[in-house]
Amino acid sequence: IRDFRELRDGPLMVNPVYLDFLLAGSPSRLSRTPVSTADKVRTWRDHE
């Protein structure tokens, strides 16, 4: 998410204000959100 938001015409269309809010802090506010599921998920690779 951090890498893609720096790309011009990148794959994310999330308003930067929303991303700034979620990525603020250390650890980020995003990482402190509730875990939605106990199931392991597959992360998509950058080239995908």
All heavy atoms as atom14 arrays in JSON, in Angstrom:
{
  "sequence": "IRDFRELRDGPLMVNPVYLDFLLAGSPSRLSRTPVSTADKVRTWRDHE",
  "atom14_mask": [
    [1, 1, 1, 1, 1, 1, 1, 1, 0, 0, 0, 0, 0, 0],
    [1, 1, 1, 1, 1, 1, 1, 1, 1, 1, 1, 0, 0, 0],
    [1, 1, 1, 1, 1, 1, 1, 1, 0, 0, 0, 0, 0, 0],
    [1, 1, 1, 1, 1, 1, 1, 1, 1, 1, 1, 0, 0, 0],
    [1, 1, 1, 1, 1, 1, 1, 1, 1, 1, 1, 0, 0, 0],
    [1, 1, 1, 1, 1, 1, 1, 1, 1, 0, 0, 0, 0, 0],
    [1, 1, 1, 1, 1, 1, 1, 1, 0, 0, 0, 0, 0, 0],
    [1, 1, 1, 1, 1, 1, 1, 1, 1, 1, 1, 0, 0, 0],
    [1, 1, 1, 1, 1, 1, 1, 1, 0, 0, 0, 0, 0, 0],
    [1, 1, 1, 1, 0, 0, 0, 0, 0, 0, 0, 0, 0, 0],
    [1, 1, 1, 1, 1, 1, 1, 0, 0, 0, 0, 0, 0, 0],
    [1, 1, 1, 1, 1, 1, 1, 1, 0, 0, 0, 0, 0, 0],
    [1, 1, 1, 1, 1, 1, 1, 1, 0, 0, 0, 0, 0, 0],
    [1, 1, 1, 1, 1, 1, 1, 0, 0, 0, 0, 0, 0, 0],
    [1, 1, 1, 1, 1, 1, 1, 1, 0, 0, 0, 0, 0, 0],
    [1, 1, 1, 1, 1, 1, 1, 0, 0, 0, 0, 0, 0, 0],
    [1, 1, 1, 1, 1, 1, 1, 0, 0, 0, 0, 0, 0, 0],
    [1, 1, 1, 1, 1, 1, 1, 1, 1, 1, 1, 1, 0, 0],
    [1, 1, 1, 1, 1, 1, 1, 1, 0, 0, 0, 0, 0, 0],
    [1, 1, 1, 1, 1, 1, 1, 1, 0, 0, 0, 0, 0, 0],
    [1, 1, 1, 1, 1, 1, 1, 1, 1, 1, 1, 0, 0, 0],
    [1, 1, 1, 1, 1, 1, 1, 1, 0, 0, 0, 0, 0, 0],
    [1, 1, 1, 1, 1, 1, 1, 1, 0, 0, 0, 0, 0, 0],
    [1, 1, 1, 1, 1, 0, 0, 0, 0, 0, 0, 0, 0, 0],
    [1, 1, 1, 1, 0, 0, 0, 0, 0, 0, 0, 0, 0, 0],
    [1, 1, 1, 1, 1, 1, 0, 0, 0, 0, 0, 0, 0, 0],
    [1, 1, 1, 1, 1, 1, 1, 0, 0, 0, 0, 0, 0, 0],
    [1, 1, 1, 1, 1, 1, 0, 0, 0, 0, 0, 0, 0, 0],
    [1, 1, 1, 1, 1, 1, 1, 1, 1, 1, 1, 0, 0, 0],
    [1, 1, 1, 1, 1, 1, 1, 1, 0, 0, 0, 0, 0, 0],
    [1, 1, 1, 1, 1, 1, 0, 0, 0, 0, 0, 0, 0, 0],
    [1, 1, 1, 1, 1, 1, 1, 1, 1, 1, 1, 0, 0, 0],
    [1, 1, 1, 1, 1, 1, 1, 0, 0, 0, 0, 0, 0, 0],
    [1, 1, 1, 1, 1, 1, 1, 0, 0, 0, 0, 0, 0, 0],
    [1, 1, 1, 1, 1, 1, 1, 0, 0, 0, 0, 0, 0, 0],
    [1, 1, 1, 1, 1, 1, 0, 0, 0, 0, 0, 0, 0, 0],
    [1, 1, 1, 1, 1, 1, 1, 0, 0, 0, 0, 0, 0, 0],
    [1, 1, 1, 1, 1, 0, 0, 0, 0, 0, 0, 0, 0, 0],
    [1, 1, 1, 1, 1, 1, 1, 1, 0, 0, 0, 0, 0, 0],
    [1, 1, 1, 1, 1, 1, 1, 1, 1, 0, 0, 0, 0, 0],
    [1, 1, 1, 1, 1, 1, 1, 0, 0, 0, 0, 0, 0, 0],
    [1, 1, 1, 1, 1, 1, 1, 1, 1, 1, 1, 0, 0, 0],
    [1, 1, 1, 1, 1, 1, 1, 0, 0, 0, 0, 0, 0, 0],
    [1, 1, 1, 1, 1, 1, 1, 1, 1, 1, 1, 1, 1, 1],
    [1, 1, 1, 1, 1, 1, 1, 1, 1, 1, 1, 0, 0, 0],
    [1, 1, 1, 1, 1, 1, 1, 1, 0, 0, 0, 0, 0, 0],
    [1, 1, 1, 1, 1, 1, 1, 1, 1, 1, 0, 0, 0, 0],
    [1, 1, 1, 1, 1, 1, 1, 1, 1, 0, 0, 0, 0, 0]
  ],
  "atom14_positions": [
    [[0.83, -1.2, 0.0], [0.0, 0.0, 0.0], [0.87, 1.25, 0.0], [0.63, 2.2, -0.76], [-0.95, -0.01, 1.22], [-1.93, -1.17, 1.11], [-1.7, 1.32, 1.33], [-2.76, -1.4, 2.36], [0.0, 0.0, 0.0], [0.0, 0.0, 0.0], [0.0, 0.0, 0.0], [0.0, 0.0, 0.0], [0.0, 0.0, 0.0], [0.0, 0.0, 0.0]],
    [[1.91, 1.25, 0.83], [2.8, 2.41, 0.89], [3.56, 2.6, -0.42], [3.75, 3.73, -0.88], [3.8, 2.26, 2.06], [3.15, 2.36, 3.43], [4.19, 2.25, 4.55], [3.58, 2.34, 5.86], [3.31, 3.48, 6.5], [3.61, 4.64, 5.91], [2.76, 3.47, 7.7], [0.0, 0.0, 0.0], [0.0, 0.0, 0.0], [0.0, 0.0, 0.0]],
    [[4.0, 1.5, -1.03], [4.72, 1.6, -2.3], [3.8, 2.09, -3.42], [4.17, 2.97, -4.21], [5.33, 0.25, -2.68], [6.5, -0.14, -1.8], [6.99, 0.74, -1.05], [6.92, -1.31, -1.84], [0.0, 0.0, 0.0], [0.0, 0.0, 0.0], [0.0, 0.0, 0.0], [0.0, 0.0, 0.0], [0.0, 0.0, 0.0], [0.0, 0.0, 0.0]],
    [[2.61, 1.52, -3.5], [1.7, 1.85, -4.59], [1.21, 3.29, -4.52], [0.96, 3.92, -5.55], [0.5, 0.9, -4.59], [0.84, -0.53, -4.96], [-0.03, -1.56, -4.64], [2.02, -0.83, -5.61], [0.28, -2.88, -4.97], [2.34, -2.14, -5.94], [1.47, -3.17, -5.62], [0.0, 0.0, 0.0], [0.0, 0.0, 0.0], [0.0, 0.0, 0.0]],
    [[1.06, 3.82, -3.31], [0.54, 5.19, -3.19], [1.54, 6.22, -3.71], [1.17, 7.36, -4.0], [0.17, 5.5, -1.73], [1.34, 5.75, -0.81], [0.89, 5.81, 0.64], [0.07, 6.96, 0.91], [0.47, 8.02, 1.62], [1.71, 8.05, 2.1], [-0.33, 9.02, 1.85], [0.0, 0.0, 0.0], [0.0, 0.0, 0.0], [0.0, 0.0, 0.0]],
    [[2.82, 5.83, -3.8], [3.84, 6.75, -4.31], [3.92, 6.76, -5.82], [4.59, 7.62, -6.4], [5.21, 6.37, -3.73], [5.29, 6.41, -2.22], [4.99, 7.8, -1.65], [5.35, 8.79, -2.32], [4.4, 7.88, -0.57], [0.0, 0.0, 0.0], [0.0, 0.0, 0.0], [0.0, 0.0, 0.0], [0.0, 0.0, 0.0], [0.0, 0.0, 0.0]],
    [[3.25, 5.8, -6.48], [3.33, 5.7, -7.94], [2.38, 6.7, -8.59], [1.23, 6.85, -8.18], [2.97, 4.29, -8.4], [3.9, 3.16, -7.95], [3.35, 1.82, -8.44], [5.32, 3.38, -8.46], [0.0, 0.0, 0.0], [0.0, 0.0, 0.0], [0.0, 0.0, 0.0], [0.0, 0.0, 0.0], [0.0, 0.0, 0.0], [0.0, 0.0, 0.0]],
    [[2.86, 7.35, -9.61], [1.99, 8.2, -10.4], [1.11, 7.31, -11.28], [1.6, 6.4, -11.94], [2.81, 9.14, -11.29], [1.97, 10.12, -12.08], [2.86, 11.04, -12.89], [2.05, 11.98, -13.66], [2.57, 12.91, -14.47], [3.89, 13.0, -14.61], [1.77, 13.72, -15.14], [0.0, 0.0, 0.0], [0.0, 0.0, 0.0], [0.0, 0.0, 0.0]],
    [[-0.2, 7.56, -11.26], [-1.15, 6.7, -11.97], [-1.01, 5.25, -11.52], [-1.04, 4.31, -12.33], [-0.95, 6.8, -13.5], [-1.2, 8.21, -14.01], [-2.08, 8.89, -13.46], [-0.51, 8.62, -14.96], [0.0, 0.0, 0.0], [0.0, 0.0, 0.0], [0.0, 0.0, 0.0], [0.0, 0.0, 0.0], [0.0, 0.0, 0.0], [0.0, 0.0, 0.0]],
    [[-0.82, 5.06, -10.21], [-0.67, 3.72, -9.67], [-2.0, 2.99, -9.57], [-3.05, 3.49, -9.97], [0.0, 0.0, 0.0], [0.0, 0.0, 0.0], [0.0, 0.0, 0.0], [0.0, 0.0, 0.0], [0.0, 0.0, 0.0], [0.0, 0.0, 0.0], [0.0, 0.0, 0.0], [0.0, 0.0, 0.0], [0.0, 0.0, 0.0], [0.0, 0.0, 0.0]],
    [[-1.98, 1.78, -9.01], [-3.19, 0.94, -9.0], [-4.22, 1.33, -7.94], [-5.34, 0.84, -7.98], [-2.63, -0.45, -8.73], [-1.39, -0.21, -7.94], [-0.8, 1.06, -8.48], [0.0, 0.0, 0.0], [0.0, 0.0, 0.0], [0.0, 0.0, 0.0], [0.0, 0.0, 0.0], [0.0, 0.0, 0.0], [0.0, 0.0, 0.0], [0.0, 0.0, 0.0]],
    [[-3.85, 2.19, -6.97], [-4.79, 2.55, -5.92], [-5.61, 3.78, -6.3], [-5.06, 4.75, -6.85], [-4.05, 2.84, -4.61], [-3.21, 1.71, -4.01], [-2.59, 2.16, -2.69], [-4.04, 0.46, -3.8], [0.0, 0.0, 0.0], [0.0, 0.0, 0.0], [0.0, 0.0, 0.0], [0.0, 0.0, 0.0], [0.0, 0.0, 0.0], [0.0, 0.0, 0.0]],
    [[-6.91, 3.75, -5.99], [-7.74, 4.94, -6.21], [-8.35, 5.41, -4.88], [-9.37, 6.08, -4.84], [-8.85, 4.67, -7.23], [-9.88, 3.64, -6.85], [-11.23, 3.54, -8.07], [-11.98, 5.15, -7.89], [0.0, 0.0, 0.0], [0.0, 0.0, 0.0], [0.0, 0.0, 0.0], [0.0, 0.0, 0.0], [0.0, 0.0, 0.0], [0.0, 0.0, 0.0]],
    [[-7.69, 5.08, -3.78], [-8.12, 5.54, -2.46], [-7.69, 7.0, -2.29], [-6.55, 7.35, -2.6], [-7.51, 4.68, -1.34], [-8.01, 5.14, 0.02], [-7.83, 3.21, -1.57], [0.0, 0.0, 0.0], [0.0, 0.0, 0.0], [0.0, 0.0, 0.0], [0.0, 0.0, 0.0], [0.0, 0.0, 0.0], [0.0, 0.0, 0.0], [0.0, 0.0, 0.0]],
    [[-8.6, 7.84, -1.82], [-8.25, 9.24, -1.61], [-7.05, 9.33, -0.68], [-7.02, 8.68, 0.37], [-9.45, 9.98, -1.01], [-9.29, 11.49, -1.07], [-8.37, 12.06, -0.48], [-10.2, 12.13, -1.79], [0.0, 0.0, 0.0], [0.0, 0.0, 0.0], [0.0, 0.0, 0.0], [0.0, 0.0, 0.0], [0.0, 0.0, 0.0], [0.0, 0.0, 0.0]],
    [[-6.03, 10.13, -1.03], [-4.82, 10.23, -0.19], [-5.11, 10.66, 1.25], [-4.38, 10.28, 2.16], [-3.98, 11.29, -0.92], [-4.42, 11.21, -2.34], [-5.89, 10.89, -2.29], [0.0, 0.0, 0.0], [0.0, 0.0, 0.0], [0.0, 0.0, 0.0], [0.0, 0.0, 0.0], [0.0, 0.0, 0.0], [0.0, 0.0, 0.0], [0.0, 0.0, 0.0]],
    [[-6.16, 11.45, 1.47], [-6.51, 11.86, 2.83], [-6.85, 10.64, 3.68], [-6.45, 10.54, 4.84], [-7.69, 12.85, 2.81], [-8.21, 13.13, 4.22], [-7.28, 14.16, 2.14], [0.0, 0.0, 0.0], [0.0, 0.0, 0.0], [0.0, 0.0, 0.0], [0.0, 0.0, 0.0], [0.0, 0.0, 0.0], [0.0, 0.0, 0.0], [0.0, 0.0, 0.0]],
    [[-7.58, 9.69, 3.11], [-7.94, 8.47, 3.84], [-6.69, 7.63, 4.14], [-6.55, 7.08, 5.25], [-8.94, 7.62, 3.06], [-10.13, 8.36, 2.5], [-10.85, 7.86, 1.43], [-10.55, 9.58, 3.04], [-11.96, 8.52, 0.9], [-11.65, 10.26, 2.52], [-12.34, 9.72, 1.45], [-13.42, 10.39, 0.93], [0.0, 0.0, 0.0], [0.0, 0.0, 0.0]],
    [[-5.8, 7.53, 3.15], [-4.58, 6.75, 3.36], [-3.68, 7.4, 4.4], [-3.07, 6.71, 5.23], [-3.83, 6.59, 2.04], [-4.4, 5.58, 1.04], [-3.56, 5.54, -0.22], [-4.5, 4.19, 1.65], [0.0, 0.0, 0.0], [0.0, 0.0, 0.0], [0.0, 0.0, 0.0], [0.0, 0.0, 0.0], [0.0, 0.0, 0.0], [0.0, 0.0, 0.0]],
    [[-3.55, 8.73, 4.37], [-2.74, 9.43, 5.36], [-3.24, 9.12, 6.77], [-2.45, 8.92, 7.7], [-2.77, 10.94, 5.12], [-1.98, 11.34, 3.89], [-1.17, 10.53, 3.41], [-2.18, 12.47, 3.4], [0.0, 0.0, 0.0], [0.0, 0.0, 0.0], [0.0, 0.0, 0.0], [0.0, 0.0, 0.0], [0.0, 0.0, 0.0], [0.0, 0.0, 0.0]],
    [[-4.56, 9.11, 6.93], [-5.15, 8.82, 8.24], [-4.81, 7.39, 8.68], [-4.4, 7.16, 9.82], [-6.67, 9.0, 8.16], [-7.4, 8.58, 9.4], [-7.48, 9.41, 10.51], [-8.03, 7.33, 9.46], [-8.15, 9.01, 11.66], [-8.7, 6.93, 10.6], [-8.76, 7.77, 11.71], [0.0, 0.0, 0.0], [0.0, 0.0, 0.0], [0.0, 0.0, 0.0]],
    [[-4.95, 6.44, 7.77], [-4.74, 5.04, 8.13], [-3.27, 4.7, 8.34], [-2.93, 3.85, 9.18], [-5.31, 4.13, 7.03], [-6.84, 4.09, 6.93], [-7.26, 3.36, 5.67], [-7.44, 3.42, 8.17], [0.0, 0.0, 0.0], [0.0, 0.0, 0.0], [0.0, 0.0, 0.0], [0.0, 0.0, 0.0], [0.0, 0.0, 0.0], [0.0, 0.0, 0.0]],
    [[-2.37, 5.36, 7.61], [-0.95, 5.02, 7.69], [-0.21, 5.84, 8.74], [1.0, 5.65, 8.94], [-0.29, 5.22, 6.32], [-0.8, 4.28, 5.22], [-0.17, 4.64, 3.88], [-0.54, 2.83, 5.56], [0.0, 0.0, 0.0], [0.0, 0.0, 0.0], [0.0, 0.0, 0.0], [0.0, 0.0, 0.0], [0.0, 0.0, 0.0], [0.0, 0.0, 0.0]],
    [[-0.91, 6.74, 9.41], [-0.27, 7.56, 10.44], [0.06, 6.71, 11.68], [-0.63, 5.74, 12.0], [-1.18, 8.72, 10.83], [0.0, 0.0, 0.0], [0.0, 0.0, 0.0], [0.0, 0.0, 0.0], [0.0, 0.0, 0.0], [0.0, 0.0, 0.0], [0.0, 0.0, 0.0], [0.0, 0.0, 0.0], [0.0, 0.0, 0.0], [0.0, 0.0, 0.0]],
    [[1.13, 7.11, 12.38], [1.5, 6.44, 13.62], [2.5, 5.32, 13.42], [2.78, 4.89, 12.3], [0.0, 0.0, 0.0], [0.0, 0.0, 0.0], [0.0, 0.0, 0.0], [0.0, 0.0, 0.0], [0.0, 0.0, 0.0], [0.0, 0.0, 0.0], [0.0, 0.0, 0.0], [0.0, 0.0, 0.0], [0.0, 0.0, 0.0], [0.0, 0.0, 0.0]],
    [[3.06, 4.86, 14.52], [4.01, 3.74, 14.5], [3.79, 2.88, 15.74], [4.16, 3.28, 16.84], [5.44, 4.26, 14.46], [6.36, 3.21, 14.41], [0.0, 0.0, 0.0], [0.0, 0.0, 0.0], [0.0, 0.0, 0.0], [0.0, 0.0, 0.0], [0.0, 0.0, 0.0], [0.0, 0.0, 0.0], [0.0, 0.0, 0.0], [0.0, 0.0, 0.0]],
    [[3.17, 1.71, 15.61], [2.66, 1.14, 14.36], [1.49, 1.95, 13.8], [0.87, 2.72, 14.52], [2.22, -0.27, 14.76], [1.87, -0.13, 16.21], [2.86, 0.86, 16.77], [0.0, 0.0, 0.0], [0.0, 0.0, 0.0], [0.0, 0.0, 0.0], [0.0, 0.0, 0.0], [0.0, 0.0, 0.0], [0.0, 0.0, 0.0], [0.0, 0.0, 0.0]],
    [[1.23, 1.76, 12.53], [0.21, 2.55, 11.86], [-1.19, 2.25, 12.4], [-1.44, 1.19, 12.96], [0.24, 2.28, 10.36], [-0.21, 0.97, 10.09], [0.0, 0.0, 0.0], [0.0, 0.0, 0.0], [0.0, 0.0, 0.0], [0.0, 0.0, 0.0], [0.0, 0.0, 0.0], [0.0, 0.0, 0.0], [0.0, 0.0, 0.0], [0.0, 0.0, 0.0]],
    [[-2.07, 3.23, 12.21], [-3.48, 3.03, 12.59], [-4.07, 1.86, 11.8], [-4.93, 1.12, 12.3], [-4.25, 4.32, 12.33], [-5.68, 4.3, 12.87], [-6.36, 5.64, 12.64], [-5.97, 6.66, 13.6], [-5.24, 7.73, 13.31], [-4.8, 7.9, 12.06], [-4.94, 8.62, 14.22], [0.0, 0.0, 0.0], [0.0, 0.0, 0.0], [0.0, 0.0, 0.0]],
    [[-3.62, 1.67, 10.55], [-4.1, 0.58, 9.72], [-3.8, -0.77, 10.36], [-4.66, -1.66, 10.42], [-3.45, 0.66, 8.33], [-3.84, -0.4, 7.31], [-5.31, -0.26, 6.93], [-2.96, -0.3, 6.06], [0.0, 0.0, 0.0], [0.0, 0.0, 0.0], [0.0, 0.0, 0.0], [0.0, 0.0, 0.0], [0.0, 0.0, 0.0], [0.0, 0.0, 0.0]],
    [[-2.57, -0.93, 10.88], [-2.17, -2.22, 11.47], [-2.89, -2.51, 12.78], [-2.89, -3.64, 13.26], [-0.66, -2.24, 11.68], [-0.27, -1.3, 12.66], [0.0, 0.0, 0.0], [0.0, 0.0, 0.0], [0.0, 0.0, 0.0], [0.0, 0.0, 0.0], [0.0, 0.0, 0.0], [0.0, 0.0, 0.0], [0.0, 0.0, 0.0], [0.0, 0.0, 0.0]],
    [[-3.49, -1.46, 13.38], [-4.18, -1.63, 14.65], [-5.69, -1.83, 14.48], [-6.42, -1.85, 15.47], [-3.89, -0.42, 15.54], [-2.46, -0.37, 16.04], [-2.19, 0.81, 16.95], [-1.82, 2.01, 16.22], [-2.44, 3.18, 16.28], [-3.53, 3.29, 17.04], [-2.03, 4.22, 15.59], [0.0, 0.0, 0.0], [0.0, 0.0, 0.0], [0.0, 0.0, 0.0]],
    [[-6.14, -1.97, 13.23], [-7.56, -2.24, 13.0], [-7.87, -3.69, 13.41], [-6.97, -4.55, 13.43], [-7.93, -2.03, 11.53], [-7.09, -2.85, 10.7], [-7.77, -0.57, 11.13], [0.0, 0.0, 0.0], [0.0, 0.0, 0.0], [0.0, 0.0, 0.0], [0.0, 0.0, 0.0], [0.0, 0.0, 0.0], [0.0, 0.0, 0.0], [0.0, 0.0, 0.0]],
    [[-9.12, -4.0, 13.72], [-9.47, -5.37, 14.13], [-9.17, -6.38, 13.03], [-9.32, -6.09, 11.83], [-10.98, -5.29, 14.38], [-11.29, -3.84, 14.54], [-10.29, -3.1, 13.73], [0.0, 0.0, 0.0], [0.0, 0.0, 0.0], [0.0, 0.0, 0.0], [0.0, 0.0, 0.0], [0.0, 0.0, 0.0], [0.0, 0.0, 0.0], [0.0, 0.0, 0.0]],
    [[-8.71, -7.57, 13.43], [-8.5, -8.65, 12.46], [-9.87, -9.21, 12.09], [-10.66, -9.6, 12.95], [-7.6, -9.75, 13.05], [-7.49, -10.92, 12.08], [-6.22, -9.18, 13.38], [0.0, 0.0, 0.0], [0.0, 0.0, 0.0], [0.0, 0.0, 0.0], [0.0, 0.0, 0.0], [0.0, 0.0, 0.0], [0.0, 0.0, 0.0], [0.0, 0.0, 0.0]],
    [[-10.15, -9.24, 10.79], [-11.5, -9.58, 10.32], [-11.78, -11.07, 10.32], [-12.92, -11.5, 10.5], [-11.71, -9.03, 8.9], [-11.44, -7.64, 8.85], [0.0, 0.0, 0.0], [0.0, 0.0, 0.0], [0.0, 0.0, 0.0], [0.0, 0.0, 0.0], [0.0, 0.0, 0.0], [0.0, 0.0, 0.0], [0.0, 0.0, 0.0], [0.0, 0.0, 0.0]],
    [[-10.74, -11.88, 10.09], [-10.94, -13.32, 9.97], [-9.7, -14.05, 10.47], [-8.57, -13.55, 10.34], [-11.23, -13.72, 8.51], [-11.32, -15.15, 8.41], [-10.14, -13.25, 7.57], [0.0, 0.0, 0.0], [0.0, 0.0, 0.0], [0.0, 0.0, 0.0], [0.0, 0.0, 0.0], [0.0, 0.0, 0.0], [0.0, 0.0, 0.0], [0.0, 0.0, 0.0]],
    [[-9.91, -15.24, 11.01], [-8.78, -16.06, 11.47], [-8.14, -16.84, 10.33], [-7.05, -17.4, 10.48], [-9.24, -17.01, 12.57], [0.0, 0.0, 0.0], [0.0, 0.0, 0.0], [0.0, 0.0, 0.0], [0.0, 0.0, 0.0], [0.0, 0.0, 0.0], [0.0, 0.0, 0.0], [0.0, 0.0, 0.0], [0.0, 0.0, 0.0], [0.0, 0.0, 0.0]],
    [[-8.82, -16.88, 9.19], [-8.3, -17.62, 8.04], [-7.07, -16.93, 7.47], [-6.99, -15.7, 7.41], [-9.36, -17.72, 6.95], [-10.59, -18.5, 7.39], [-10.46, -19.31, 8.33], [-11.68, -18.27, 6.82], [0.0, 0.0, 0.0], [0.0, 0.0, 0.0], [0.0, 0.0, 0.0], [0.0, 0.0, 0.0], [0.0, 0.0, 0.0], [0.0, 0.0, 0.0]],
    [[-6.08, -17.75, 7.03], [-4.92, -17.22, 6.34], [-5.32, -16.85, 4.91], [-6.11, -17.56, 4.27], [-3.78, -18.25, 6.29], [-3.29, -18.69, 7.66], [-2.66, -17.55, 8.43], [-2.11, -18.02, 9.76], [-1.53, -16.89, 10.54], [0.0, 0.0, 0.0], [0.0, 0.0, 0.0], [0.0, 0.0, 0.0], [0.0, 0.0, 0.0], [0.0, 0.0, 0.0]],
    [[-4.79, -15.74, 4.41], [-5.18, -15.27, 3.08], [-3.95, -15.23, 2.17], [-2.81, -15.25, 2.64], [-5.83, -13.87, 3.15], [-7.08, -13.9, 4.01], [-4.84, -12.83, 3.66], [0.0, 0.0, 0.0], [0.0, 0.0, 0.0], [0.0, 0.0, 0.0], [0.0, 0.0, 0.0], [0.0, 0.0, 0.0], [0.0, 0.0, 0.0], [0.0, 0.0, 0.0]],
    [[-4.24, -15.18, 0.89], [-3.18, -15.1, -0.12], [-2.97, -13.65, -0.54], [-3.89, -12.97, -0.96], [-3.53, -15.92, -1.35], [-2.54, -15.77, -2.5], [-2.98, -16.52, -3.74], [-2.07, -16.3, -4.86], [-2.2, -15.35, -5.77], [-3.2, -14.49, -5.68], [-1.33, -15.22, -6.75], [0.0, 0.0, 0.0], [0.0, 0.0, 0.0], [0.0, 0.0, 0.0]],
    [[-1.73, -13.18, -0.37], [-1.39, -11.82, -0.79], [-1.0, -11.82, -2.26], [-0.23, -12.68, -2.7], [-0.22, -11.28, 0.05], [-0.54, -11.39, 1.44], [0.03, -9.82, -0.29], [0.0, 0.0, 0.0], [0.0, 0.0, 0.0], [0.0, 0.0, 0.0], [0.0, 0.0, 0.0], [0.0, 0.0, 0.0], [0.0, 0.0, 0.0], [0.0, 0.0, 0.0]],
    [[-1.5, -10.88, -2.98], [-1.13, -10.76, -4.39], [0.25, -10.11, -4.51], [0.57, -9.15, -3.81], [-2.18, -9.93, -5.14], [-3.46, -10.68, -5.33], [-4.37, -11.03, -4.37], [-3.96, -11.21, -6.55], [-5.41, -11.73, -4.91], [-5.2, -11.86, -6.26], [-3.52, -11.19, -7.87], [-5.97, -12.48, -7.23], [-4.28, -11.81, -8.85], [-5.49, -12.44, -8.52]],
    [[1.05, -10.65, -5.43], [2.39, -10.11, -5.63], [2.32, -8.82, -6.45], [1.36, -8.56, -7.15], [3.26, -11.14, -6.36], [3.42, -12.44, -5.57], [4.16, -13.49, -6.38], [4.27, -14.75, -5.65], [4.76, -15.88, -6.17], [5.17, -15.88, -7.44], [4.83, -16.97, -5.45], [0.0, 0.0, 0.0], [0.0, 0.0, 0.0], [0.0, 0.0, 0.0]],
    [[3.41, -8.05, -6.34], [3.43, -6.74, -7.01], [3.17, -6.86, -8.51], [2.41, -6.08, -9.09], [4.79, -6.05, -6.79], [4.97, -5.59, -5.36], [4.09, -5.88, -4.52], [6.0, -4.95, -5.06], [0.0, 0.0, 0.0], [0.0, 0.0, 0.0], [0.0, 0.0, 0.0], [0.0, 0.0, 0.0], [0.0, 0.0, 0.0], [0.0, 0.0, 0.0]],
    [[3.82, -7.84, -9.16], [3.68, -7.94, -10.61], [2.28, -8.42, -11.02], [1.89, -8.28, -12.17], [4.75, -8.88, -11.2], [4.52, -10.34, -10.92], [5.02, -10.96, -9.79], [3.83, -11.29, -11.6], [4.67, -12.23, -9.8], [3.94, -12.47, -10.88], [0.0, 0.0, 0.0], [0.0, 0.0, 0.0], [0.0, 0.0, 0.0], [0.0, 0.0, 0.0]],
    [[1.53, -8.99, -10.07], [0.15, -9.37, -10.36], [-0.79, -8.17, -10.26], [-1.87, -8.17, -10.84], [-0.31, -10.46, -9.39], [0.44, -11.77, -9.53], [0.04, -12.78, -8.48], [0.08, -12.45, -7.28], [-0.34, -13.91, -8.87], [0.0, 0.0, 0.0], [0.0, 0.0, 0.0], [0.0, 0.0, 0.0], [0.0, 0.0, 0.0], [0.0, 0.0, 0.0]]
  ]
}
